[in-house]
Protein backbone atom coordinates (compact mmCIF):
# COMPACT_ATOMS: atom_id res chain seq x y z
CA MET A 1 -3.42 -8.41 16.11
CA PRO A 2 -6.40 -7.99 13.77
CA ALA A 3 -6.77 -4.62 12.06
CA THR A 4 -9.15 -2.22 13.79
CA ASP A 5 -9.29 0.66 11.28
CA LEU A 6 -12.73 0.99 9.71
CA VAL A 7 -13.87 2.50 6.41
CA VAL A 8 -17.11 4.48 6.20
CA ALA A 9 -18.61 5.86 3.02
CA PHE A 10 -21.55 8.23 2.61
CA THR A 11 -23.49 8.16 -0.66
CA GLY A 12 -26.48 10.03 -2.01
CA ALA A 13 -29.39 8.19 -0.41
CA SER A 14 -31.53 9.78 2.26
CA GLY A 15 -30.33 8.82 5.73
CA ALA A 16 -27.45 11.19 6.49
CA PRO A 17 -28.17 11.09 10.24
CA TYR A 18 -27.35 7.37 10.28
CA GLY A 19 -23.94 7.84 8.69
CA VAL A 20 -22.90 10.84 10.75
CA ARG A 21 -23.97 9.21 13.99
CA LEU A 22 -22.11 6.02 13.01
CA VAL A 23 -18.83 7.88 12.52
CA GLU A 24 -19.31 9.67 15.83
CA VAL A 25 -19.91 6.39 17.68
CA LEU A 26 -16.90 4.72 16.07
CA LEU A 27 -14.64 7.62 16.99
CA ARG A 28 -15.90 7.60 20.57
CA ALA A 29 -15.18 3.86 20.64
CA GLY A 30 -11.52 4.64 19.87
CA ARG A 31 -11.53 3.40 16.28
CA ASP A 32 -9.67 5.00 13.40
CA VAL A 33 -12.20 5.86 10.70
CA HIS A 34 -11.33 6.32 7.03
CA LEU A 35 -14.13 8.42 5.59
CA THR A 36 -15.05 9.11 1.98
CA ILE A 37 -18.07 11.10 0.81
CA SER A 38 -19.69 11.37 -2.62
CA PRO A 39 -20.84 14.78 -3.91
CA ALA A 40 -24.46 13.58 -3.81
CA ALA A 41 -23.99 12.60 -0.16
CA ALA A 42 -22.70 16.10 0.62
CA GLU A 43 -25.91 17.55 -0.85
CA VAL A 44 -28.05 15.17 1.22
CA ILE A 45 -26.14 16.04 4.39
CA GLU A 46 -26.70 19.74 3.76
CA HIS A 47 -30.42 19.19 3.15
CA GLU A 48 -31.11 16.74 5.99
CA LEU A 49 -28.82 18.09 8.72
CA GLY A 50 -28.74 21.80 7.89
CA ARG A 51 -25.22 22.44 9.16
CA ALA A 52 -24.11 26.06 9.47
CA THR A 53 -20.92 25.19 7.57
CA GLN A 54 -21.40 23.78 4.06
CA LEU A 55 -19.78 20.40 3.47
CA ASP A 56 -17.21 20.57 0.68
CA VAL A 57 -15.85 17.23 -0.55
CA ASP A 58 -12.81 19.03 -1.99
CA ALA A 59 -11.94 20.82 1.27
CA PHE A 60 -13.28 18.64 4.06
CA ASN A 61 -14.14 20.34 7.35
CA PRO A 62 -15.32 18.11 10.24
CA GLN A 63 -17.40 21.01 11.58
CA ALA A 64 -19.60 20.76 8.51
CA LEU A 65 -20.22 17.10 9.30
CA PHE A 66 -20.65 17.05 13.07
CA GLY A 67 -21.65 20.62 13.89
CA SER A 68 -21.53 21.18 17.64
CA ARG A 69 -21.06 17.45 18.21
CA THR A 70 -17.32 17.75 17.52
CA VAL A 71 -16.91 18.37 21.26
CA GLY A 72 -15.22 15.35 22.81
CA LEU A 73 -14.46 13.68 19.47
CA ASN A 74 -10.88 12.59 18.79
CA LEU A 75 -10.70 13.96 15.26
CA SER A 76 -7.10 12.80 14.92
CA ARG A 77 -8.61 9.35 14.35
CA LEU A 78 -10.71 10.59 11.42
CA HIS A 79 -8.94 10.23 8.07
CA TYR A 80 -10.68 11.80 5.10
CA HIS A 81 -10.16 10.52 1.54
CA HIS A 82 -11.46 12.29 -1.55
CA TYR A 83 -13.91 10.13 -3.47
CA ARG A 84 -11.73 10.42 -6.61
CA ASP A 85 -8.44 9.55 -4.91
CA PHE A 86 -7.55 6.05 -6.08
CA ARG A 87 -4.12 6.49 -4.46
CA ALA A 88 -5.69 6.31 -0.99
CA GLY A 89 -4.68 3.34 1.12
CA ILE A 90 -8.24 2.01 1.26
CA ALA A 91 -8.11 1.44 -2.52
CA SER A 92 -5.64 -1.40 -1.97
CA GLY A 93 -6.09 -4.82 -0.44
CA SER A 94 -2.71 -4.45 1.23
CA PHE A 95 -4.19 -1.77 3.50
CA GLN A 96 -5.53 -3.68 6.48
CA THR A 97 -8.95 -2.78 7.89
CA GLY A 98 -11.51 -4.30 10.19
CA GLY A 99 -14.38 -3.70 7.77
CA MET A 100 -16.29 -1.15 5.74
CA VAL A 101 -19.76 0.38 5.89
CA VAL A 102 -21.61 2.29 3.18
CA CYS A 103 -24.18 4.26 5.16
CA PRO A 104 -26.42 5.35 3.63
CA CYS A 105 -26.01 3.29 0.47
CA SER A 106 -27.73 4.64 -2.64
CA SER A 107 -29.24 2.34 -5.24
CA GLY A 108 -26.60 3.44 -7.74
CA THR A 109 -23.77 2.60 -5.34
CA LEU A 110 -25.41 -0.74 -4.56
CA ALA A 111 -25.55 -1.52 -8.28
CA ALA A 112 -21.89 -0.58 -8.81
CA ILE A 113 -20.74 -2.71 -5.88
CA ALA A 114 -22.91 -5.66 -6.87
CA HIS A 115 -21.46 -5.67 -10.39
CA GLY A 116 -17.84 -4.77 -9.63
CA ILE A 117 -17.87 -1.35 -11.28
CA SER A 118 -15.23 0.88 -9.66
CA GLU A 119 -15.97 4.41 -10.83
CA ASN A 120 -14.82 6.08 -7.60
CA LEU A 121 -13.01 5.34 -4.34
CA ILE A 122 -16.21 4.21 -2.62
CA HIS A 123 -16.83 1.51 -5.21
CA ARG A 124 -13.17 0.48 -5.25
CA ALA A 125 -12.86 0.25 -1.45
CA ALA A 126 -16.01 -1.87 -1.33
CA ASP A 127 -14.65 -4.14 -4.06
CA VAL A 128 -11.43 -4.49 -2.07
CA HIS A 129 -13.34 -5.62 1.00
CA LEU A 130 -15.23 -8.21 -1.01
CA LYS A 131 -12.15 -9.62 -2.73
CA GLU A 132 -10.21 -9.72 0.54
CA ARG A 133 -13.16 -11.43 2.27
CA ARG A 134 -13.51 -8.63 4.81
CA LYS A 135 -16.72 -7.38 6.34
CA LEU A 136 -18.69 -5.07 4.05
CA VAL A 137 -21.98 -3.67 5.35
CA LEU A 138 -24.36 -1.87 2.99
CA VAL A 139 -27.12 0.24 4.55
CA PRO A 140 -29.75 1.07 1.91
CA ARG A 141 -32.64 3.40 2.73
CA GLU A 142 -35.18 3.14 -0.03
CA THR A 143 -38.84 2.21 -0.25
CA PRO A 144 -40.49 0.58 -2.06
CA LEU A 145 -37.79 -1.66 -3.47
CA GLY A 146 -37.81 -2.38 -7.19
CA LEU A 147 -36.81 -5.69 -8.71
CA ILE A 148 -33.44 -4.36 -9.91
CA ALA A 149 -32.48 -3.17 -6.42
CA LEU A 150 -33.62 -6.47 -4.90
CA ARG A 151 -31.54 -8.44 -7.38
CA ASN A 152 -28.55 -6.21 -6.69
CA MET A 153 -28.96 -6.88 -2.96
CA VAL A 154 -28.94 -10.60 -3.66
CA ALA A 155 -25.84 -10.27 -5.84
CA ALA A 156 -24.04 -8.23 -3.18
CA THR A 157 -25.00 -10.75 -0.50
CA GLU A 158 -23.79 -13.65 -2.64
CA ALA A 159 -20.49 -11.81 -3.07
CA GLY A 160 -20.08 -11.60 0.71
CA ALA A 161 -21.63 -8.28 1.72
CA VAL A 162 -24.13 -7.80 4.54
CA VAL A 163 -27.22 -5.86 3.43
CA LEU A 164 -28.54 -4.05 6.50
CA PRO A 165 -31.50 -1.84 5.54
CA ALA A 166 -32.11 1.22 7.70
CA MET A 167 -35.20 -0.18 9.41
CA PRO A 168 -35.69 1.09 12.97
CA ALA A 169 -37.55 -1.24 15.32
CA PHE A 170 -40.31 -0.38 17.77
CA TYR A 171 -39.91 -3.13 20.38
CA THR A 172 -37.28 -0.90 22.01
CA HIS A 173 -39.97 1.79 22.52
CA PRO A 174 -38.04 4.65 20.89
CA ARG A 175 -38.77 8.02 22.47
CA ASN A 176 -37.49 10.21 19.64
CA LEU A 177 -35.69 10.21 16.29
CA ASP A 178 -32.30 9.89 17.96
CA ASP A 179 -33.36 6.58 19.48
CA MET A 180 -34.45 5.31 16.06
CA VAL A 181 -31.16 6.38 14.49
CA ASP A 182 -29.22 4.72 17.31
CA PHE A 183 -31.03 1.42 16.74
CA VAL A 184 -29.77 1.18 13.17
CA VAL A 185 -26.29 2.42 14.10
CA GLY A 186 -26.16 -0.13 16.90
CA ARG A 187 -26.96 -2.96 14.49
CA VAL A 188 -24.16 -1.77 12.21
CA CYS A 189 -21.74 -1.68 15.16
CA ASP A 190 -22.73 -5.26 15.99
CA GLN A 191 -21.63 -6.32 12.51
CA LEU A 192 -18.27 -4.62 13.07
CA ALA A 193 -17.80 -6.09 16.57
CA VAL A 194 -17.76 -2.58 18.06
CA GLN A 195 -19.03 -2.51 21.63
CA HIS A 196 -21.84 -0.04 22.33
CA SER A 197 -24.79 0.69 24.57
CA LEU A 198 -26.95 2.45 22.01
CA VAL A 199 -29.99 0.22 22.41
CA GLN A 200 -31.53 -2.06 24.97
CA ARG A 201 -31.10 -5.58 23.68
CA TRP A 202 -33.98 -8.01 23.43
CA SER A 203 -34.07 -10.62 26.16
CA GLU A 204 -36.52 -13.24 27.27
CA PRO A 205 -38.46 -12.49 30.46
CA PRO A 206 -37.02 -14.24 33.53
CA GLU A 207 -38.49 -17.60 34.38
CA GLU A 208 -40.70 -17.69 37.47
């Protein structure tokens, strides 16, 4: 059977709600999630989500990530790996996974992945997915895009990654921010072949 474990990494770009919601959806879908978080991502999460419990990358507490949304989550399927732990299974190609997502993906992380620089576990796990020809989805959230970032996106795409910018759509008539977050998360889930009902899919009107 194909591997179903998934790797998710948070880095220091704005867009923490996308990453947290993604992990929640994957856990509710019954997937094992291997999570790693950079220190910059922890600061962004604190700023953008305002959790009552501070997120500490050295002493991970799911409550700091999900807040009250831990209710109903099977946290036994969430496996946390310190961003400096190169002994983690996800640092090796022999550890089977169904794919990896960096969400949100900072410009610095994009550059490291595009050029094969493994300074931490996030970079290394991404490099593993590229060399093993597994799905790697990068979710940048930056605007405007400079030439260096654009070239790094091309390089990452040529290496086999999927660049999926956090660009909510409006044809789904989003009612609130949660709907806009779910649109992006749904597109990521599509790349990972994870079934969901987060958004209404586009369809042609019925013929008369």
